[in-house]
Amino acid sequence: MRLRAVLFDFGGTLDGPASHWLDRFLALYRDAGVDLSFERFRPAFDAATRAAYANPAVAGMDLRATVTFHTRHQVAHLGPAAAAVADRIADAFLDRAAAALAASRSVLELLRPHVALGVVSNFYGNVDRVLADNGIAPLLDAIVDSNRVGLRKPAPGIFTLALRRVGCLPLEALYVGDSFNNDIAGAWGAGLRTAWLVGSPPPVCPDPLIVDHRIHALAELPAIVAGARG
């Protein structure tokens, strides 16, 4: 069946290929001299994430305000050493995200003449604003934010909603994401084709049968789309 749409995850895919927010923040704290283990940082990161989902004000924030909110809630759990570098951490995170989003926009501009495009994200209700601020929203036919629609990946319904918005069947769509469970298993469960964005070294694949493409950069997608369209 001919490929008619490509749908993307946001965090860890468009804003930092194959790089989860947790891993990026942890690396930045360590670079800033804060000695943090994964086991100590994970509860702080998760608490900040829960706070962002629960606070309605975050739905109106741009990316800078969102990252600042997240960082301040992290350091509330981590203590003075982390608090002392919080602004530096947020600035570095945003600089890298801005560069990644610009690169992603360039790829989407290449894809746009050939397929419909969309974003399906577990986010805080403001992914549309973030995408608009970074010049990506005009390239998209659908933006589905979990906090807006009351569905979260890997639930099949959130992918089905996006398919309705772009007007295609599941097998006519390719979903691109970095999380195997949320993105690849979720999209495959909804009937979509899948492209798993992996870092280096690549993680062990729990189920190769549900991965149609394994990629290391979004720049690989134009060739995949050209081949899938014949």
Protein backbone atom coordinates (compact mmCIF):
# COMPACT_ATOMS: atom_id res chain seq x y z
CA MET A 1 0.00 0.00 0.00
CA ARG A 2 1.36 3.40 -0.96
CA LEU A 3 2.67 5.66 1.81
CA ARG A 4 0.55 8.80 2.17
CA ALA A 5 1.52 10.20 5.61
CA VAL A 6 4.41 10.40 8.05
CA LEU A 7 3.63 11.04 11.71
CA PHE A 8 6.22 12.00 14.31
CA ASP A 9 6.79 11.89 18.03
CA PHE A 10 7.98 15.23 19.44
CA GLY A 11 10.20 14.85 22.53
CA GLY A 12 13.29 12.81 21.75
CA THR A 13 12.46 12.76 18.05
CA LEU A 14 11.92 16.23 16.58
CA ASP A 15 13.56 18.18 19.42
CA GLY A 16 16.57 15.92 19.97
CA PRO A 17 16.88 12.81 17.82
CA ALA A 18 16.93 9.60 19.88
CA SER A 19 17.51 11.58 23.07
CA HIS A 20 14.92 11.43 25.85
CA TRP A 21 14.49 14.52 28.00
CA LEU A 22 15.56 12.57 31.09
CA ASP A 23 18.87 11.55 29.53
CA ARG A 24 19.55 15.04 28.21
CA PHE A 25 18.90 16.71 31.55
CA LEU A 26 21.00 14.18 33.45
CA ALA A 27 23.94 14.65 31.08
CA LEU A 28 23.71 18.44 31.46
CA TYR A 29 23.75 18.26 35.27
CA ARG A 30 26.82 16.04 35.14
CA ASP A 31 28.52 18.39 32.66
CA ALA A 32 27.82 21.22 35.12
CA GLY A 33 29.59 19.31 37.90
CA VAL A 34 26.57 17.98 39.78
CA ASP A 35 27.26 14.37 40.74
CA LEU A 36 23.94 12.64 40.04
CA SER A 37 23.20 8.98 39.51
CA PHE A 38 20.36 7.88 37.27
CA GLU A 39 18.65 6.36 40.32
CA ARG A 40 18.71 9.68 42.15
CA PHE A 41 17.69 11.81 39.19
CA ARG A 42 14.81 9.67 37.90
CA PRO A 43 12.38 10.43 40.79
CA ALA A 44 13.08 14.17 40.47
CA PHE A 45 12.51 14.08 36.71
CA ASP A 46 9.31 12.07 37.08
CA ALA A 47 7.98 14.45 39.75
CA ALA A 48 8.63 17.42 37.46
CA THR A 49 6.87 15.65 34.59
CA ARG A 50 3.82 14.92 36.74
CA ALA A 51 3.73 18.55 37.86
CA ALA A 52 3.80 19.75 34.25
CA TYR A 53 0.96 17.45 33.23
CA ALA A 54 -1.11 18.50 36.24
CA ASN A 55 -0.65 22.28 36.00
CA PRO A 56 -3.06 23.87 33.49
CA ALA A 57 -0.78 26.88 33.12
CA VAL A 58 1.81 24.78 31.29
CA ALA A 59 -0.61 24.35 28.38
CA GLY A 60 -0.08 28.04 27.57
CA MET A 61 3.72 28.04 27.85
CA ASP A 62 6.34 28.24 25.14
CA LEU A 63 9.25 25.83 25.19
CA ARG A 64 11.49 28.09 27.29
CA ALA A 65 8.85 28.46 29.98
CA THR A 66 8.12 24.72 29.88
CA VAL A 67 11.76 23.75 30.29
CA THR A 68 12.23 26.34 33.05
CA PHE A 69 9.15 24.97 34.86
CA HIS A 70 10.46 21.42 34.53
CA THR A 71 13.95 22.34 35.71
CA ARG A 72 12.71 24.22 38.78
CA HIS A 73 10.61 21.24 39.83
CA GLN A 74 13.58 18.94 39.32
CA VAL A 75 15.87 20.96 41.57
CA ALA A 76 13.21 21.19 44.26
CA HIS A 77 13.88 17.46 44.72
CA LEU A 78 17.62 17.53 44.05
CA GLY A 79 18.82 20.19 46.47
CA PRO A 80 21.16 23.24 46.49
CA ALA A 81 23.91 21.94 44.19
CA ALA A 82 21.43 21.38 41.36
CA ALA A 83 19.54 24.60 42.11
CA ALA A 84 22.75 26.59 41.70
CA VAL A 85 23.08 25.52 38.06
CA ALA A 86 19.37 25.36 37.14
CA ASP A 87 19.40 28.37 34.82
CA ARG A 88 22.51 27.10 33.05
CA ILE A 89 20.91 23.68 32.60
CA ALA A 90 17.73 25.18 31.12
CA ASP A 91 19.67 27.41 28.72
CA ALA A 92 21.85 24.56 27.48
CA PHE A 93 18.82 22.29 27.04
CA LEU A 94 17.01 24.96 25.02
CA ASP A 95 20.02 25.73 22.82
CA ARG A 96 20.30 22.07 21.83
CA ALA A 97 16.56 21.71 21.32
CA ALA A 98 16.48 24.78 19.06
CA ALA A 99 19.25 23.35 16.87
CA ALA A 100 17.50 19.96 16.66
CA LEU A 101 14.15 21.54 15.80
CA ALA A 102 15.73 23.58 13.01
CA ALA A 103 17.27 20.42 11.55
CA SER A 104 13.95 18.59 11.85
CA ARG A 105 12.13 21.42 10.10
CA SER A 106 14.51 21.08 7.15
CA VAL A 107 13.66 17.38 6.84
CA LEU A 108 9.92 18.03 7.06
CA GLU A 109 10.21 20.65 4.34
CA LEU A 110 11.66 17.96 2.06
CA LEU A 111 8.88 15.53 2.92
CA ARG A 112 5.99 17.98 2.72
CA PRO A 113 5.51 17.92 -1.09
CA HIS A 114 5.14 14.13 -1.07
CA VAL A 115 3.17 13.08 2.05
CA ALA A 116 0.89 14.46 4.72
CA LEU A 117 2.67 15.19 8.00
CA GLY A 118 1.63 15.13 11.63
CA VAL A 119 2.82 15.00 15.23
CA VAL A 120 1.45 12.67 17.90
CA SER A 121 2.97 13.48 21.27
CA ASN A 122 2.60 12.74 24.95
CA PHE A 123 2.98 16.37 25.96
CA TYR A 124 1.61 19.05 28.25
CA GLY A 125 -1.07 20.61 26.06
CA ASN A 126 1.28 23.09 24.38
CA VAL A 127 3.07 21.09 21.71
CA ASP A 128 1.14 23.05 19.06
CA ARG A 129 2.62 26.31 20.38
CA VAL A 130 6.13 24.87 20.52
CA LEU A 131 5.81 23.64 16.94
CA ALA A 132 4.42 27.00 15.80
CA ASP A 133 7.20 28.94 17.52
CA ASN A 134 9.79 26.83 15.69
CA GLY A 135 8.22 27.11 12.24
CA ILE A 136 7.10 23.48 12.09
CA ALA A 137 3.34 23.81 12.61
CA PRO A 138 2.67 25.23 9.10
CA LEU A 139 4.13 22.04 7.64
CA LEU A 140 1.73 19.78 9.53
CA ASP A 141 -1.73 18.45 8.74
CA ALA A 142 -2.36 17.18 12.27
CA ILE A 143 -1.07 17.88 15.79
CA VAL A 144 -2.31 15.53 18.51
CA ASP A 145 -1.25 16.38 22.07
CA SER A 146 -2.10 13.82 24.76
CA ASN A 147 -3.04 16.46 27.33
CA ARG A 148 -5.48 18.01 24.86
CA VAL A 149 -7.22 14.85 23.67
CA GLY A 150 -7.23 12.73 26.85
CA LEU A 151 -5.34 9.85 25.23
CA ARG A 152 -1.73 8.84 25.72
CA LYS A 153 0.67 6.72 23.73
CA PRO A 154 0.90 3.76 23.46
CA ALA A 155 -2.93 3.66 23.39
CA PRO A 156 -4.01 2.90 19.79
CA GLY A 157 -6.72 5.56 19.94
CA ILE A 158 -4.30 8.48 19.87
CA PHE A 159 -2.78 7.20 16.62
CA THR A 160 -6.23 6.51 15.16
CA LEU A 161 -7.24 10.11 15.92
CA ALA A 162 -4.21 11.40 14.02
CA LEU A 163 -4.99 9.12 11.07
CA ARG A 164 -8.50 10.57 10.86
CA ARG A 165 -7.08 14.06 10.83
CA VAL A 166 -4.65 13.37 7.99
CA GLY A 167 -7.23 11.27 6.13
CA CYS A 168 -5.46 7.99 5.55
CA LEU A 169 -5.55 4.32 6.51
CA PRO A 170 -3.11 2.89 9.09
CA LEU A 171 -0.95 1.07 6.54
CA GLU A 172 -0.70 4.27 4.51
CA ALA A 173 1.10 5.98 7.41
CA LEU A 174 4.60 5.70 8.86
CA TYR A 175 5.16 6.63 12.52
CA VAL A 176 8.60 7.86 13.58
CA GLY A 177 9.66 7.85 17.22
CA ASP A 178 12.45 7.07 19.67
CA SER A 179 10.51 5.17 22.37
CA PHE A 180 10.07 1.51 21.53
CA ASN A 181 7.11 1.02 23.89
CA ASN A 182 5.25 4.30 23.40
CA ASP A 183 6.05 4.96 19.76
CA ILE A 184 6.90 1.77 17.92
CA ALA A 185 4.75 -0.75 19.81
CA GLY A 186 1.94 1.79 20.09
CA ALA A 187 1.90 2.69 16.41
CA TRP A 188 2.25 -0.93 15.31
CA GLY A 189 -0.68 -1.84 17.56
CA ALA A 190 -2.76 0.75 15.71
CA GLY A 191 -1.75 -0.72 12.36
CA LEU A 192 0.81 1.87 11.22
CA ARG A 193 4.21 1.24 9.70
CA THR A 194 7.08 2.13 12.02
CA ALA A 195 10.48 3.83 11.94
CA TRP A 196 12.44 3.49 15.17
CA LEU A 197 14.87 6.37 15.76
CA VAL A 198 17.82 5.01 17.73
CA GLY A 199 20.97 6.50 19.16
CA SER A 200 24.50 5.15 19.20
CA PRO A 201 25.09 2.54 20.37
CA PRO A 202 21.58 1.38 19.42
CA PRO A 203 19.52 -0.32 22.13
CA VAL A 204 18.55 -3.95 21.96
CA CYS A 205 15.32 -4.30 19.98
CA PRO A 206 12.62 -6.10 22.01
CA ASP A 207 10.71 -7.17 18.90
CA PRO A 208 12.29 -6.70 15.46
CA LEU A 209 9.13 -7.90 13.74
CA ILE A 210 7.30 -4.66 14.52
CA VAL A 211 10.09 -2.34 13.30
CA ASP A 212 9.83 -1.57 9.58
CA HIS A 213 12.80 0.82 9.56
CA ARG A 214 15.56 1.47 12.06
CA ILE A 215 17.08 4.93 11.56
CA HIS A 216 19.79 7.00 13.24
CA ALA A 217 18.70 10.40 11.90
CA LEU A 218 15.57 11.98 10.49
CA ALA A 219 17.60 12.85 7.40
CA GLU A 220 17.19 9.20 6.36
CA LEU A 221 13.43 9.63 5.93
CA PRO A 222 13.25 11.28 2.48
CA ALA A 223 14.85 8.19 0.91
CA ILE A 224 12.50 5.87 2.83
CA VAL A 225 9.47 7.89 1.76
CA ALA A 226 10.61 7.95 -1.88
CA GLY A 227 10.99 4.17 -1.85
CA ALA A 228 7.62 3.62 -0.18
CA ARG A 229 5.85 5.80 -2.72
CA GLY A 230 7.31 3.94 -5.67
